[in-house]
């Protein structure tokens, strides 16, 4: 494949991760899960490590998003409950895949 055709494909492949990182920034996730994380809160890197066990499970992002929004993962956290299911699922998929 010619380099001129490969570069746009590589850029497109990187868009979901960049979009999810931007979504996390837009939704204020880094306020608690940034570096350093807020007291008693895991960083995004820690979350990615913890949730790596769900890789390859296609239903995991949706199921985890539903639990997170309902307060079933970390108790009731208003910021989690305000996320739309779609945004929460996108963020969970990004975290499961390693936040890269």
PDB file of N, CA and C in Angstrom:
ATOM      1  N   UNK A   1       0.854  -1.175   0.000  1.00  0.00           N
ATOM      2  CA  UNK A   1       0.000   0.000   0.000  1.00  0.00           C
ATOM      3  C   UNK A   1       0.899   1.236   0.000  1.00  0.00           C
ATOM      4  N   UNK A   2       0.543   2.207  -0.767  1.00  0.00           N
ATOM      5  CA  UNK A   2       1.326   3.438  -0.854  1.00  0.00           C
ATOM      6  C   UNK A   2       1.196   4.234   0.432  1.00  0.00           C
ATOM      7  N   UNK A   3       2.267   4.929   0.795  1.00  0.00           N
ATOM      8  CA  UNK A   3       2.291   5.723   2.023  1.00  0.00           C
ATOM      9  C   UNK A   3       1.210   6.791   2.022  1.00  0.00           C
ATOM     10  N   UNK A   4       0.917   7.347   0.852  1.00  0.00           N
ATOM     11  CA  UNK A   4      -0.094   8.398   0.782  1.00  0.00           C
ATOM     12  C   UNK A   4      -1.483   7.858   1.124  1.00  0.00           C
ATOM     13  N   UNK A   5      -1.717   6.584   0.926  1.00  0.00           N
ATOM     14  CA  UNK A   5      -2.994   5.970   1.288  1.00  0.00           C
ATOM     15  C   UNK A   5      -2.986   5.458   2.716  1.00  0.00           C
ATOM     16  N   UNK A   6      -1.827   5.078   3.220  1.00  0.00           N
ATOM     17  CA  UNK A   6      -1.716   4.515   4.556  1.00  0.00           C
ATOM     18  C   UNK A   6      -1.901   5.564   5.646  1.00  0.00           C
ATOM     19  N   UNK A   7      -1.362   6.736   5.465  1.00  0.00           N
ATOM     20  CA  UNK A   7      -1.442   7.776   6.493  1.00  0.00           C
ATOM     21  C   UNK A   7      -2.886   8.122   6.867  1.00  0.00           C
ATOM     22  N   UNK A   8      -3.771   8.384   5.907  1.00  0.00           N
ATOM     23  CA  UNK A   8      -5.155   8.682   6.302  1.00  0.00           C
ATOM     24  C   UNK A   8      -5.813   7.526   7.061  1.00  0.00           C
ATOM     25  N   UNK A   9      -5.501   6.292   6.696  1.00  0.00           N
ATOM     26  CA  UNK A   9      -6.056   5.144   7.405  1.00  0.00           C
ATOM     27  C   UNK A   9      -5.561   5.088   8.850  1.00  0.00           C
ATOM     28  N   UNK A  10      -4.303   5.389   9.060  1.00  0.00           N
ATOM     29  CA  UNK A  10      -3.758   5.412  10.413  1.00  0.00           C
ATOM     30  C   UNK A  10      -4.395   6.518  11.245  1.00  0.00           C
ATOM     31  N   UNK A  11      -4.621   7.655  10.638  1.00  0.00           N
ATOM     32  CA  UNK A  11      -5.260   8.758  11.351  1.00  0.00           C
ATOM     33  C   UNK A  11      -6.699   8.415  11.729  1.00  0.00           C
ATOM     34  N   UNK A  12      -7.403   7.779  10.839  1.00  0.00           N
ATOM     35  CA  UNK A  12      -8.783   7.382  11.116  1.00  0.00           C
ATOM     36  C   UNK A  12      -8.812   6.360  12.242  1.00  0.00           C
ATOM     37  N   UNK A  13      -7.869   5.432  12.266  1.00  0.00           N
ATOM     38  CA  UNK A  13      -7.814   4.410  13.314  1.00  0.00           C
ATOM     39  C   UNK A  13      -7.579   5.041  14.679  1.00  0.00           C
ATOM     40  N   UNK A  14      -6.895   6.177  14.735  1.00  0.00           N
ATOM     41  CA  UNK A  14      -6.608   6.833  16.013  1.00  0.00           C
ATOM     42  C   UNK A  14      -7.774   7.686  16.504  1.00  0.00           C
ATOM     43  N   UNK A  15      -8.736   7.994  15.666  1.00  0.00           N
ATOM     44  CA  UNK A  15      -9.831   8.885  16.059  1.00  0.00           C
ATOM     45  C   UNK A  15     -10.666   8.407  17.244  1.00  0.00           C
ATOM     46  N   UNK A  16     -11.076   7.148  17.334  1.00  0.00           N
ATOM     47  CA  UNK A  16     -11.900   6.763  18.482  1.00  0.00           C
ATOM     48  C   UNK A  16     -11.225   7.015  19.818  1.00  0.00           C
ATOM     49  N   UNK A  17      -9.938   6.705  19.951  1.00  0.00           N
ATOM     50  CA  UNK A  17      -9.243   6.935  21.207  1.00  0.00           C
ATOM     51  C   UNK A  17      -9.164   8.423  21.505  1.00  0.00           C
ATOM     52  N   UNK A  18      -8.840   9.226  20.498  1.00  0.00           N
ATOM     53  CA  UNK A  18      -8.774  10.666  20.715  1.00  0.00           C
ATOM     54  C   UNK A  18     -10.150  11.208  21.074  1.00  0.00           C
ATOM     55  N   UNK A  19     -11.164  10.702  20.404  1.00  0.00           N
ATOM     56  CA  UNK A  19     -12.521  11.165  20.674  1.00  0.00           C
ATOM     57  C   UNK A  19     -12.922  10.803  22.096  1.00  0.00           C
ATOM     58  N   UNK A  20     -12.557   9.633  22.575  1.00  0.00           N
ATOM     59  CA  UNK A  20     -12.912   9.226  23.924  1.00  0.00           C
ATOM     60  C   UNK A  20     -12.140  10.014  24.965  1.00  0.00           C
ATOM     61  N   UNK A  21     -10.882  10.290  24.694  1.00  0.00           N
ATOM     62  CA  UNK A  21     -10.098  11.126  25.595  1.00  0.00           C
ATOM     63  C   UNK A  21     -10.709  12.522  25.676  1.00  0.00           C
ATOM     64  N   UNK A  22     -11.113  13.047  24.535  1.00  0.00           N
ATOM     65  CA  UNK A  22     -11.755  14.358  24.506  1.00  0.00           C
ATOM     66  C   UNK A  22     -13.097  14.314  25.227  1.00  0.00           C
ATOM     67  N   UNK A  23     -13.840  13.227  25.067  1.00  0.00           N
ATOM     68  CA  UNK A  23     -15.113  13.078  25.764  1.00  0.00           C
ATOM     69  C   UNK A  23     -14.884  13.067  27.273  1.00  0.00           C
ATOM     70  N   UNK A  24     -13.867  12.349  27.731  1.00  0.00           N
ATOM     71  CA  UNK A  24     -13.544  12.318  29.165  1.00  0.00           C
ATOM     72  C   UNK A  24     -13.197  13.720  29.660  1.00  0.00           C
ATOM     73  N   UNK A  25     -12.475  14.463  28.857  1.00  0.00           N
ATOM     74  CA  UNK A  25     -12.137  15.838  29.211  1.00  0.00           C
ATOM     75  C   UNK A  25     -13.395  16.708  29.244  1.00  0.00           C
ATOM     76  N   UNK A  26     -14.221  16.591  28.203  1.00  0.00           N
ATOM     77  CA  UNK A  26     -15.450  17.390  28.120  1.00  0.00           C
ATOM     78  C   UNK A  26     -16.415  17.107  29.268  1.00  0.00           C
ATOM     79  N   UNK A  27     -16.482  15.859  29.701  1.00  0.00           N
ATOM     80  CA  UNK A  27     -17.422  15.464  30.758  1.00  0.00           C
ATOM     81  C   UNK A  27     -16.851  15.658  32.159  1.00  0.00           C
ATOM     82  N   UNK A  28     -15.612  16.129  32.255  1.00  0.00           N
ATOM     83  CA  UNK A  28     -15.019  16.418  33.557  1.00  0.00           C
ATOM     84  C   UNK A  28     -14.454  15.207  34.281  1.00  0.00           C
ATOM     85  N   UNK A  29     -14.260  14.113  33.573  1.00  0.00           N
ATOM     86  CA  UNK A  29     -13.762  12.886  34.205  1.00  0.00           C
ATOM     87  C   UNK A  29     -12.392  13.091  34.853  1.00  0.00           C
ATOM     88  N   UNK A  30     -11.559  13.911  34.201  1.00  0.00           N
ATOM     89  CA  UNK A  30     -10.210  14.118  34.715  1.00  0.00           C
ATOM     90  C   UNK A  30     -10.195  14.973  35.981  1.00  0.00           C
ATOM     91  N   UNK A  31     -11.300  15.594  36.321  1.00  0.00           N
ATOM     92  CA  UNK A  31     -11.364  16.344  37.577  1.00  0.00           C
ATOM     93  C   UNK A  31     -11.127  15.419  38.765  1.00  0.00           C
ATOM     94  N   UNK A  32     -11.615  14.204  38.664  1.00  0.00           N
ATOM     95  CA  UNK A  32     -11.412  13.210  39.726  1.00  0.00           C
ATOM     96  C   UNK A  32     -10.392  12.146  39.336  1.00  0.00           C
ATOM     97  N   UNK A  33     -10.393  11.746  38.069  1.00  0.00           N
ATOM     98  CA  UNK A  33      -9.572  10.617  37.621  1.00  0.00           C
ATOM     99  C   UNK A  33      -8.308  11.050  36.895  1.00  0.00           C
ATOM    100  N   UNK A  34      -7.890  12.299  37.092  1.00  0.00           N
ATOM    101  CA  UNK A  34      -6.690  12.814  36.422  1.00  0.00           C
ATOM    102  C   UNK A  34      -5.421  12.406  37.142  1.00  0.00           C
ATOM    103  N   UNK A  35      -4.351  13.080  36.825  1.00  0.00           N
ATOM    104  CA  UNK A  35      -3.050  12.836  37.460  1.00  0.00           C
ATOM    105  C   UNK A  35      -2.627  14.097  38.189  1.00  0.00           C
ATOM    106  N   UNK A  36      -2.518  14.086  39.475  1.00  0.00           N
ATOM    107  CA  UNK A  36      -2.879  12.991  40.364  1.00  0.00           C
ATOM    108  C   UNK A  36      -4.397  12.919  40.523  1.00  0.00           C
ATOM    109  N   UNK A  37      -4.903  11.719  40.816  1.00  0.00           N
ATOM    110  CA  UNK A  37      -6.351  11.592  40.995  1.00  0.00           C
ATOM    111  C   UNK A  37      -6.796  12.221  42.317  1.00  0.00           C
ATOM    112  N   UNK A  38      -8.064  12.545  42.372  1.00  0.00           N
ATOM    113  CA  UNK A  38      -8.654  13.055  43.611  1.00  0.00           C
ATOM    114  C   UNK A  38      -8.561  11.954  44.666  1.00  0.00           C
ATOM    115  N   UNK A  39      -8.515  12.344  45.901  1.00  0.00           N
ATOM    116  CA  UNK A  39      -8.382  11.402  47.025  1.00  0.00           C
ATOM    117  C   UNK A  39      -9.381  10.249  46.908  1.00  0.00           C
ATOM    118  N   UNK A  40      -8.901   9.036  47.114  1.00  0.00           N
ATOM    119  CA  UNK A  40      -9.708   7.813  47.087  1.00  0.00           C
ATOM    120  C   UNK A  40     -10.363   7.541  45.729  1.00  0.00           C
ATOM    121  N   UNK A  41      -9.780   8.072  44.672  1.00  0.00           N
ATOM    122  CA  UNK A  41     -10.319   7.892  43.325  1.00  0.00           C
ATOM    123  C   UNK A  41      -9.227   7.315  42.434  1.00  0.00           C
ATOM    124  N   UNK A  42      -9.525   6.291  41.643  1.00  0.00           N
ATOM    125  CA  UNK A  42      -8.500   5.744  40.747  1.00  0.00           C
ATOM    126  C   UNK A  42      -8.245   6.677  39.563  1.00  0.00           C
ATOM    127  N   UNK A  43      -7.013   6.676  39.093  1.00  0.00           N
ATOM    128  CA  UNK A  43      -6.676   7.431  37.881  1.00  0.00           C
ATOM    129  C   UNK A  43      -7.228   6.678  36.683  1.00  0.00           C
ATOM    130  N   UNK A  44      -7.239   7.323  35.531  1.00  0.00           N
ATOM    131  CA  UNK A  44      -7.677   6.661  34.306  1.00  0.00           C
ATOM    132  C   UNK A  44      -6.794   5.448  34.017  1.00  0.00           C
ATOM    133  N   UNK A  45      -5.503   5.576  34.260  1.00  0.00           N
ATOM    134  CA  UNK A  45      -4.589   4.450  34.030  1.00  0.00           C
ATOM    135  C   UNK A  45      -4.934   3.281  34.946  1.00  0.00           C
ATOM    136  N   UNK A  46      -5.267   3.569  36.193  1.00  0.00           N
ATOM    137  CA  UNK A  46      -5.657   2.499  37.119  1.00  0.00           C
ATOM    138  C   UNK A  46      -6.961   1.847  36.673  1.00  0.00           C
ATOM    139  N   UNK A  47      -7.900   2.664  36.229  1.00  0.00           N
ATOM    140  CA  UNK A  47      -9.165   2.113  35.730  1.00  0.00           C
ATOM    141  C   UNK A  47      -8.922   1.204  34.533  1.00  0.00           C
ATOM    142  N   UNK A  48      -8.055   1.641  33.621  1.00  0.00           N
ATOM    143  CA  UNK A  48      -7.749   0.836  32.434  1.00  0.00           C
ATOM    144  C   UNK A  48      -7.152  -0.509  32.830  1.00  0.00           C
ATOM    145  N   UNK A  49      -6.270  -0.503  33.803  1.00  0.00           N
ATOM    146  CA  UNK A  49      -5.675  -1.755  34.279  1.00  0.00           C
ATOM    147  C   UNK A  49      -6.738  -2.645  34.905  1.00  0.00           C
ATOM    148  N   UNK A  50      -7.581  -2.070  35.733  1.00  0.00           N
ATOM    149  CA  UNK A  50      -8.628  -2.840  36.421  1.00  0.00           C
ATOM    150  C   UNK A  50      -9.656  -3.422  35.455  1.00  0.00           C
ATOM    151  N   UNK A  51      -9.993  -2.681  34.418  1.00  0.00           N
ATOM    152  CA  UNK A  51     -11.056  -3.102  33.510  1.00  0.00           C
ATOM    153  C   UNK A  51     -10.556  -3.834  32.267  1.00  0.00           C
ATOM    154  N   UNK A  52      -9.247  -4.051  32.172  1.00  0.00           N
ATOM    155  CA  UNK A  52      -8.681  -4.792  31.037  1.00  0.00           C
ATOM    156  C   UNK A  52      -9.248  -6.206  30.963  1.00  0.00           C
ATOM    157  N   UNK A  53      -9.689  -6.743  32.082  1.00  0.00           N
ATOM    158  CA  UNK A  53     -10.235  -8.107  32.102  1.00  0.00           C
ATOM    159  C   UNK A  53     -11.500  -8.247  31.258  1.00  0.00           C
ATOM    160  N   UNK A  54     -12.112  -7.131  30.885  1.00  0.00           N
ATOM    161  CA  UNK A  54     -13.331  -7.161  30.075  1.00  0.00           C
ATOM    162  C   UNK A  54     -13.063  -7.090  28.567  1.00  0.00           C
ATOM    163  N   UNK A  55     -11.793  -6.978  28.185  1.00  0.00           N
ATOM    164  CA  UNK A  55     -11.469  -6.919  26.753  1.00  0.00           C
ATOM    165  C   UNK A  55     -11.972  -8.178  26.060  1.00  0.00           C
ATOM    166  N   UNK A  56     -12.504  -7.993  24.885  1.00  0.00           N
ATOM    167  CA  UNK A  56     -13.008  -9.119  24.117  1.00  0.00           C
ATOM    168  C   UNK A  56     -14.424  -9.537  24.483  1.00  0.00           C
ATOM    169  N   UNK A  57     -15.033  -8.843  25.432  1.00  0.00           N
ATOM    170  CA  UNK A  57     -16.408  -9.124  25.823  1.00  0.00           C
ATOM    171  C   UNK A  57     -17.289  -8.013  25.249  1.00  0.00           C
ATOM    172  N   UNK A  58     -17.933  -8.248  24.122  1.00  0.00           N
ATOM    173  CA  UNK A  58     -18.646  -7.185  23.419  1.00  0.00           C
ATOM    174  C   UNK A  58     -19.769  -6.524  24.215  1.00  0.00           C
ATOM    175  N   UNK A  59     -20.379  -7.207  25.150  1.00  0.00           N
ATOM    176  CA  UNK A  59     -21.473  -6.620  25.929  1.00  0.00           C
ATOM    177  C   UNK A  59     -20.998  -5.880  27.174  1.00  0.00           C
ATOM    178  N   UNK A  60     -19.720  -6.033  27.526  1.00  0.00           N
ATOM    179  CA  UNK A  60     -19.203  -5.453  28.766  1.00  0.00           C
ATOM    180  C   UNK A  60     -19.338  -3.931  28.839  1.00  0.00           C
ATOM    181  N   UNK A  61     -18.983  -3.163  27.793  1.00  0.00           N
ATOM    182  CA  UNK A  61     -19.102  -1.701  27.927  1.00  0.00           C
ATOM    183  C   UNK A  61     -20.526  -1.254  28.255  1.00  0.00           C
ATOM    184  N   UNK A  62     -21.518  -1.834  27.614  1.00  0.00           N
ATOM    185  CA  UNK A  62     -22.909  -1.443  27.863  1.00  0.00           C
ATOM    186  C   UNK A  62     -23.327  -1.847  29.281  1.00  0.00           C
ATOM    187  N   UNK A  63     -23.010  -3.064  29.682  1.00  0.00           N
ATOM    188  CA  UNK A  63     -23.396  -3.528  31.017  1.00  0.00           C
ATOM    189  C   UNK A  63     -22.730  -2.706  32.110  1.00  0.00           C
ATOM    190  N   UNK A  64     -21.450  -2.423  31.947  1.00  0.00           N
ATOM    191  CA  UNK A  64     -20.742  -1.613  32.936  1.00  0.00           C
ATOM    192  C   UNK A  64     -21.257  -0.179  32.948  1.00  0.00           C
ATOM    193  N   UNK A  65     -21.578   0.354  31.776  1.00  0.00           N
ATOM    194  CA  UNK A  65     -22.123   1.716  31.694  1.00  0.00           C
ATOM    195  C   UNK A  65     -23.452   1.799  32.440  1.00  0.00           C
ATOM    196  N   UNK A  66     -24.295   0.799  32.257  1.00  0.00           N
ATOM    197  CA  UNK A  66     -25.589   0.795  32.950  1.00  0.00           C
ATOM    198  C   UNK A  66     -25.389   0.732  34.465  1.00  0.00           C
ATOM    199  N   UNK A  67     -24.470  -0.100  34.922  1.00  0.00           N
ATOM    200  CA  UNK A  67     -24.192  -0.206  36.362  1.00  0.00           C
ATOM    201  C   UNK A  67     -23.601   1.092  36.905  1.00  0.00           C
ATOM    202  N   UNK A  68     -22.676   1.683  36.155  1.00  0.00           N
ATOM    203  CA  UNK A  68     -22.039   2.920  36.595  1.00  0.00           C
ATOM    204  C   UNK A  68     -23.063   4.030  36.744  1.00  0.00           C
ATOM    205  N   UNK A  69     -23.938   4.173  35.781  1.00  0.00           N
ATOM    206  CA  UNK A  69     -24.956   5.222  35.816  1.00  0.00           C
ATOM    207  C   UNK A  69     -25.978   4.994  36.923  1.00  0.00           C
ATOM    208  N   UNK A  70     -26.208   3.734  37.279  1.00  0.00           N
ATOM    209  CA  UNK A  70     -27.196   3.406  38.311  1.00  0.00           C
ATOM    210  C   UNK A  70     -26.586   3.406  39.714  1.00  0.00           C
ATOM    211  N   UNK A  71     -25.288   3.616  39.810  1.00  0.00           N
ATOM    212  CA  UNK A  71     -24.643   3.624  41.117  1.00  0.00           C
ATOM    213  C   UNK A  71     -24.227   2.246  41.585  1.00  0.00           C
ATOM    214  N   UNK A  72     -24.230   1.275  40.694  1.00  0.00           N
ATOM    215  CA  UNK A  72     -23.907  -0.086  41.071  1.00  0.00           C
ATOM    216  C   UNK A  72     -22.429  -0.431  41.092  1.00  0.00           C
ATOM    217  N   UNK A  73     -21.565   0.439  40.603  1.00  0.00           N
ATOM    218  CA  UNK A  73     -20.134   0.141  40.616  1.00  0.00           C
ATOM    219  C   UNK A  73     -19.414   0.823  41.773  1.00  0.00           C
ATOM    220  N   UNK A  74     -19.690   2.071  41.983  1.00  0.00           N
ATOM    221  CA  UNK A  74     -18.949   2.845  42.987  1.00  0.00           C
ATOM    222  C   UNK A  74     -19.878   3.642  43.886  1.00  0.00           C
ATOM    223  N   UNK A  75     -21.042   3.153  44.157  1.00  0.00           N
ATOM    224  CA  UNK A  75     -22.049   3.897  44.909  1.00  0.00           C
ATOM    225  C   UNK A  75     -22.608   4.999  44.004  1.00  0.00           C
ATOM    226  N   UNK A  76     -23.425   5.846  44.548  1.00  0.00           N
ATOM    227  CA  UNK A  76     -24.063   6.897  43.745  1.00  0.00           C
ATOM    228  C   UNK A  76     -23.140   8.107  43.643  1.00  0.00           C
ATOM    229  N   UNK A  77     -22.666   8.343  42.440  1.00  0.00           N
ATOM    230  CA  UNK A  77     -21.812   9.495  42.153  1.00  0.00           C
ATOM    231  C   UNK A  77     -22.531  10.311  41.092  1.00  0.00           C
ATOM    232  N   UNK A  78     -22.896  11.515  41.436  1.00  0.00           N
ATOM    233  CA  UNK A  78     -23.723  12.348  40.561  1.00  0.00           C
ATOM    234  C   UNK A  78     -23.129  12.510  39.167  1.00  0.00           C
ATOM    235  N   UNK A  79     -21.824  12.695  39.075  1.00  0.00           N
ATOM    236  CA  UNK A  79     -21.194  12.879  37.761  1.00  0.00           C
ATOM    237  C   UNK A  79     -21.384  11.654  36.876  1.00  0.00           C
ATOM    238  N   UNK A  80     -21.357  10.471  37.455  1.00  0.00           N
ATOM    239  CA  UNK A  80     -21.575   9.246  36.681  1.00  0.00           C
ATOM    240  C   UNK A  80     -23.033   9.147  36.243  1.00  0.00           C
ATOM    241  N   UNK A  81     -23.927   9.485  37.132  1.00  0.00           N
ATOM    242  CA  UNK A  81     -25.361   9.360  36.853  1.00  0.00           C
ATOM    243  C   UNK A  81     -25.844  10.363  35.817  1.00  0.00           C
ATOM    244  N   UNK A  82     -25.124  11.481  35.654  1.00  0.00           N
ATOM    245  CA  UNK A  82     -25.511  12.499  34.666  1.00  0.00           C
ATOM    246  C   UNK A  82     -25.092  12.135  33.250  1.00  0.00           C
ATOM    247  N   UNK A  83     -24.179  11.200  33.093  1.00  0.00           N
ATOM    248  CA  UNK A  83     -23.737  10.799  31.752  1.00  0.00           C
ATOM    249  C   UNK A  83     -24.879  10.132  30.999  1.00  0.00           C
ATOM    250  N   UNK A  84     -24.964  10.406  29.710  1.00  0.00           N
ATOM    251  CA  UNK A  84     -25.916   9.651  28.895  1.00  0.00           C
ATOM    252  C   UNK A  84     -25.402   8.222  28.782  1.00  0.00           C
ATOM    253  N   UNK A  85     -26.288   7.299  28.501  1.00  0.00           N
ATOM    254  CA  UNK A  85     -25.868   5.908  28.346  1.00  0.00           C
ATOM    255  C   UNK A  85     -24.856   5.787  27.208  1.00  0.00           C
ATOM    256  N   UNK A  86     -25.092   6.503  26.128  1.00  0.00           N
ATOM    257  CA  UNK A  86     -24.180   6.452  24.979  1.00  0.00           C
ATOM    258  C   UNK A  86     -22.785   6.949  25.359  1.00  0.00           C
ATOM    259  N   UNK A  87     -22.692   8.108  26.026  1.00  0.00           N
ATOM    260  CA  UNK A  87     -21.389   8.641  26.431  1.00  0.00           C
ATOM    261  C   UNK A  87     -20.707   7.708  27.427  1.00  0.00           C
ATOM    262  N   UNK A  88     -21.475   7.197  28.366  1.00  0.00           N
ATOM    263  CA  UNK A  88     -20.915   6.307  29.374  1.00  0.00           C
ATOM    264  C   UNK A  88     -20.385   5.026  28.732  1.00  0.00           C
ATOM    265  N   UNK A  89     -21.125   4.485  27.787  1.00  0.00           N
ATOM    266  CA  UNK A  89     -20.678   3.278  27.095  1.00  0.00           C
ATOM    267  C   UNK A  89     -19.412   3.554  26.284  1.00  0.00           C
ATOM    268  N   UNK A  90     -19.333   4.698  25.636  1.00  0.00           N
ATOM    269  CA  UNK A  90     -18.127   5.076  24.887  1.00  0.00           C
ATOM    270  C   UNK A  90     -16.926   5.165  25.818  1.00  0.00           C
ATOM    271  N   UNK A  91     -17.119   5.793  26.961  1.00  0.00           N
ATOM    272  CA  UNK A  91     -16.030   5.924  27.935  1.00  0.00           C
ATOM    273  C   UNK A  91     -15.623   4.570  28.505  1.00  0.00           C
ATOM    274  N   UNK A  92     -16.593   3.723  28.797  1.00  0.00           N
ATOM    275  CA  UNK A  92     -16.268   2.392  29.316  1.00  0.00           C
ATOM    276  C   UNK A  92     -15.499   1.581  28.281  1.00  0.00           C
ATOM    277  N   UNK A  93     -15.885   1.667  27.026  1.00  0.00           N
ATOM    278  CA  UNK A  93     -15.166   0.945  25.957  1.00  0.00           C
ATOM    279  C   UNK A  93     -13.730   1.442  25.882  1.00  0.00           C
ATOM    280  N   UNK A  94     -13.548   2.753  25.949  1.00  0.00           N
ATOM    281  CA  UNK A  94     -12.225   3.369  25.898  1.00  0.00           C
ATOM    282  C   UNK A  94     -11.377   2.922  27.096  1.00  0.00           C
ATOM    283  N   UNK A  95     -11.956   2.884  28.277  1.00  0.00           N
ATOM    284  CA  UNK A  95     -11.238   2.450  29.464  1.00  0.00           C
ATOM    285  C   UNK A  95     -10.852   0.971  29.343  1.00  0.00           C
ATOM    286  N   UNK A  96     -11.792   0.141  28.930  1.00  0.00           N
ATOM    287  CA  UNK A  96     -11.525  -1.291  28.773  1.00  0.00           C
ATOM    288  C   UNK A  96     -10.382  -1.522  27.789  1.00  0.00           C
ATOM    289  N   UNK A  97     -10.341  -0.729  26.731  1.00  0.00           N
ATOM    290  CA  UNK A  97      -9.300  -0.895  25.708  1.00  0.00           C
ATOM    291  C   UNK A  97      -7.969  -0.255  26.093  1.00  0.00           C
ATOM    292  N   UNK A  98      -7.903   0.349  27.261  1.00  0.00           N
ATOM    293  CA  UNK A  98      -6.616   0.841  27.761  1.00  0.00           C
ATOM    294  C   UNK A  98      -6.405   2.328  27.721  1.00  0.00           C
ATOM    295  N   UNK A  99      -7.421   3.120  27.455  1.00  0.00           N
ATOM    296  CA  UNK A  99      -7.354   4.597  27.416  1.00  0.00           C
ATOM    297  C   UNK A  99      -6.226   5.118  26.540  1.00  0.00           C
ATOM    298  N   UNK A 100      -5.907   4.413  25.483  1.00  0.00           N
ATOM    299  CA  UNK A 100      -4.829   4.859  24.598  1.00  0.00           C
ATOM    300  C   UNK A 100      -5.397   5.476  23.350  1.00  0.00           C
TER     301      UNK A 100
END
